[in-house]
Amino acid sequence: MQNAPAFEAVAIDEKGEPVRIVAPDPRVWAAHKVWLSRRTDREPFKRQRDAAQAEAVGA
């Protein structure tokens, strides 16, 4: 995911101040989580969590 395009947004923190958020593109992150969830060498708990996270983001 290091080569994924960045997603940038501004959110409001608890004090009402703007905060800049820079994160991997959510589509790339979700695709990565789907890939992790299908790996047979990954712990079952982590595979379930990865699948749920990917679904929550919309993959």
N, C-alpha and C. Protein backbone atom coordinates (compact mmCIF):
# COMPACT_ATOMS: atom_id res chain seq x y z
N MET A 1 0.81 -1.19 0.00
CA MET A 1 0.00 0.00 0.00
C MET A 1 0.86 1.26 0.00
N GLN A 2 2.15 1.11 0.03
CA GLN A 2 3.01 2.29 0.04
C GLN A 2 2.89 3.10 -1.24
N ASN A 3 2.59 2.43 -2.34
CA ASN A 3 2.48 3.12 -3.62
C ASN A 3 1.05 3.57 -3.92
N ALA A 4 0.13 3.34 -3.00
CA ALA A 4 -1.27 3.73 -3.20
C ALA A 4 -1.40 5.24 -3.18
N PRO A 5 -2.29 5.77 -4.00
CA PRO A 5 -2.50 7.22 -3.94
C PRO A 5 -3.06 7.63 -2.58
N ALA A 6 -2.70 8.80 -2.16
CA ALA A 6 -3.15 9.28 -0.85
C ALA A 6 -4.56 9.85 -0.94
N PHE A 7 -5.28 9.68 0.14
CA PHE A 7 -6.60 10.28 0.32
C PHE A 7 -6.41 11.37 1.36
N GLU A 8 -6.81 12.56 1.05
CA GLU A 8 -6.67 13.67 1.99
C GLU A 8 -8.04 14.27 2.29
N ALA A 9 -8.25 14.59 3.55
CA ALA A 9 -9.51 15.20 3.97
C ALA A 9 -9.25 16.04 5.21
N VAL A 10 -10.22 16.87 5.52
CA VAL A 10 -10.16 17.67 6.74
C VAL A 10 -11.34 17.27 7.61
N ALA A 11 -11.05 16.95 8.86
CA ALA A 11 -12.09 16.59 9.83
C ALA A 11 -12.05 17.62 10.96
N ILE A 12 -13.03 17.56 11.81
CA ILE A 12 -13.09 18.47 12.95
C ILE A 12 -12.81 17.66 14.22
N ASP A 13 -11.86 18.13 15.03
CA ASP A 13 -11.52 17.40 16.24
C ASP A 13 -12.49 17.73 17.38
N GLU A 14 -12.23 17.18 18.56
CA GLU A 14 -13.12 17.35 19.71
C GLU A 14 -13.25 18.80 20.17
N LYS A 15 -12.24 19.61 19.87
CA LYS A 15 -12.27 21.02 20.27
C LYS A 15 -12.86 21.91 19.18
N GLY A 16 -13.29 21.30 18.07
CA GLY A 16 -13.85 22.07 16.98
C GLY A 16 -12.82 22.61 16.01
N GLU A 17 -11.59 22.16 16.15
CA GLU A 17 -10.51 22.61 15.27
C GLU A 17 -10.38 21.66 14.07
N PRO A 18 -9.98 22.19 12.92
CA PRO A 18 -9.77 21.32 11.76
C PRO A 18 -8.49 20.49 11.93
N VAL A 19 -8.54 19.28 11.45
CA VAL A 19 -7.38 18.40 11.48
C VAL A 19 -7.26 17.74 10.11
N ARG A 20 -6.08 17.76 9.57
CA ARG A 20 -5.82 17.17 8.25
C ARG A 20 -5.60 15.67 8.40
N ILE A 21 -6.26 14.90 7.55
CA ILE A 21 -6.11 13.45 7.55
C ILE A 21 -5.52 13.03 6.21
N VAL A 22 -4.44 12.28 6.26
CA VAL A 22 -3.83 11.72 5.06
C VAL A 22 -3.75 10.22 5.29
N ALA A 23 -4.36 9.46 4.39
CA ALA A 23 -4.42 8.00 4.53
C ALA A 23 -4.39 7.37 3.14
N PRO A 24 -4.12 6.06 3.08
CA PRO A 24 -4.19 5.40 1.77
C PRO A 24 -5.61 5.51 1.21
N ASP A 25 -5.72 5.51 -0.10
CA ASP A 25 -7.02 5.53 -0.76
C ASP A 25 -7.88 4.41 -0.17
N PRO A 26 -9.08 4.70 0.29
CA PRO A 26 -9.92 3.67 0.91
C PRO A 26 -10.18 2.46 0.02
N ARG A 27 -10.24 2.66 -1.30
CA ARG A 27 -10.45 1.52 -2.20
C ARG A 27 -9.27 0.58 -2.19
N VAL A 28 -8.07 1.14 -2.16
CA VAL A 28 -6.86 0.32 -2.12
C VAL A 28 -6.77 -0.41 -0.78
N TRP A 29 -7.08 0.31 0.29
CA TRP A 29 -7.04 -0.30 1.63
C TRP A 29 -8.03 -1.45 1.73
N ALA A 30 -9.24 -1.25 1.21
CA ALA A 30 -10.27 -2.31 1.25
C ALA A 30 -9.84 -3.51 0.42
N ALA A 31 -9.28 -3.27 -0.75
CA ALA A 31 -8.81 -4.38 -1.59
C ALA A 31 -7.70 -5.16 -0.88
N HIS A 32 -6.83 -4.45 -0.19
CA HIS A 32 -5.77 -5.11 0.58
C HIS A 32 -6.37 -5.98 1.70
N LYS A 33 -7.39 -5.47 2.37
CA LYS A 33 -8.04 -6.21 3.44
C LYS A 33 -8.74 -7.47 2.89
N VAL A 34 -9.35 -7.37 1.71
CA VAL A 34 -9.96 -8.54 1.08
C VAL A 34 -8.88 -9.58 0.80
N TRP A 35 -7.76 -9.13 0.26
CA TRP A 35 -6.65 -10.04 -0.04
C TRP A 35 -6.16 -10.73 1.24
N LEU A 36 -5.99 -9.96 2.32
CA LEU A 36 -5.57 -10.55 3.59
C LEU A 36 -6.59 -11.58 4.10
N SER A 37 -7.87 -11.27 3.93
CA SER A 37 -8.92 -12.16 4.46
C SER A 37 -8.96 -13.49 3.72
N ARG A 38 -8.38 -13.55 2.56
CA ARG A 38 -8.39 -14.79 1.76
C ARG A 38 -7.11 -15.60 1.89
N ARG A 39 -6.16 -15.10 2.65
CA ARG A 39 -4.90 -15.83 2.84
C ARG A 39 -5.13 -16.99 3.81
N THR A 40 -4.78 -18.19 3.38
CA THR A 40 -4.99 -19.36 4.23
C THR A 40 -3.96 -19.45 5.35
N ASP A 41 -2.85 -18.72 5.23
CA ASP A 41 -1.83 -18.77 6.29
C ASP A 41 -2.05 -17.71 7.37
N ARG A 42 -3.16 -16.98 7.28
CA ARG A 42 -3.46 -15.93 8.27
C ARG A 42 -4.34 -16.51 9.37
N GLU A 43 -4.17 -16.02 10.59
CA GLU A 43 -4.97 -16.49 11.72
C GLU A 43 -6.46 -16.28 11.43
N PRO A 44 -7.30 -17.28 11.77
CA PRO A 44 -8.74 -17.17 11.46
C PRO A 44 -9.39 -15.90 12.02
N PHE A 45 -9.05 -15.51 13.23
CA PHE A 45 -9.64 -14.30 13.81
C PHE A 45 -9.30 -13.07 12.96
N LYS A 46 -8.04 -12.99 12.55
CA LYS A 46 -7.61 -11.84 11.75
C LYS A 46 -8.27 -11.87 10.37
N ARG A 47 -8.43 -13.05 9.80
CA ARG A 47 -9.10 -13.15 8.50
C ARG A 47 -10.53 -12.64 8.58
N GLN A 48 -11.24 -12.99 9.64
CA GLN A 48 -12.62 -12.52 9.82
C GLN A 48 -12.65 -11.01 10.01
N ARG A 49 -11.73 -10.50 10.79
CA ARG A 49 -11.66 -9.06 11.03
C ARG A 49 -11.35 -8.32 9.74
N ASP A 50 -10.40 -8.84 8.96
CA ASP A 50 -10.05 -8.20 7.70
C ASP A 50 -11.24 -8.16 6.75
N ALA A 51 -11.99 -9.26 6.68
CA ALA A 51 -13.17 -9.31 5.80
C ALA A 51 -14.22 -8.30 6.26
N ALA A 52 -14.44 -8.21 7.55
CA ALA A 52 -15.42 -7.26 8.07
C ALA A 52 -15.00 -5.82 7.81
N GLN A 53 -13.72 -5.53 7.96
CA GLN A 53 -13.23 -4.18 7.71
C GLN A 53 -13.36 -3.82 6.23
N ALA A 54 -13.05 -4.77 5.35
CA ALA A 54 -13.18 -4.52 3.92
C ALA A 54 -14.63 -4.25 3.55
N GLU A 55 -15.53 -5.01 4.12
CA GLU A 55 -16.95 -4.83 3.83
C GLU A 55 -17.44 -3.47 4.36
N ALA A 56 -16.94 -3.08 5.52
CA ALA A 56 -17.37 -1.80 6.10
C ALA A 56 -16.94 -0.62 5.23
N VAL A 57 -15.82 -0.76 4.56
CA VAL A 57 -15.33 0.32 3.71
C VAL A 57 -16.02 0.28 2.34
N GLY A 58 -16.57 -0.86 2.00
CA GLY A 58 -17.35 -0.94 0.77
C GLY A 58 -16.74 -1.75 -0.34
N ALA A 59 -15.84 -2.64 0.00
CA ALA A 59 -15.22 -3.46 -1.05
C ALA A 59 -16.13 -4.57 -1.50
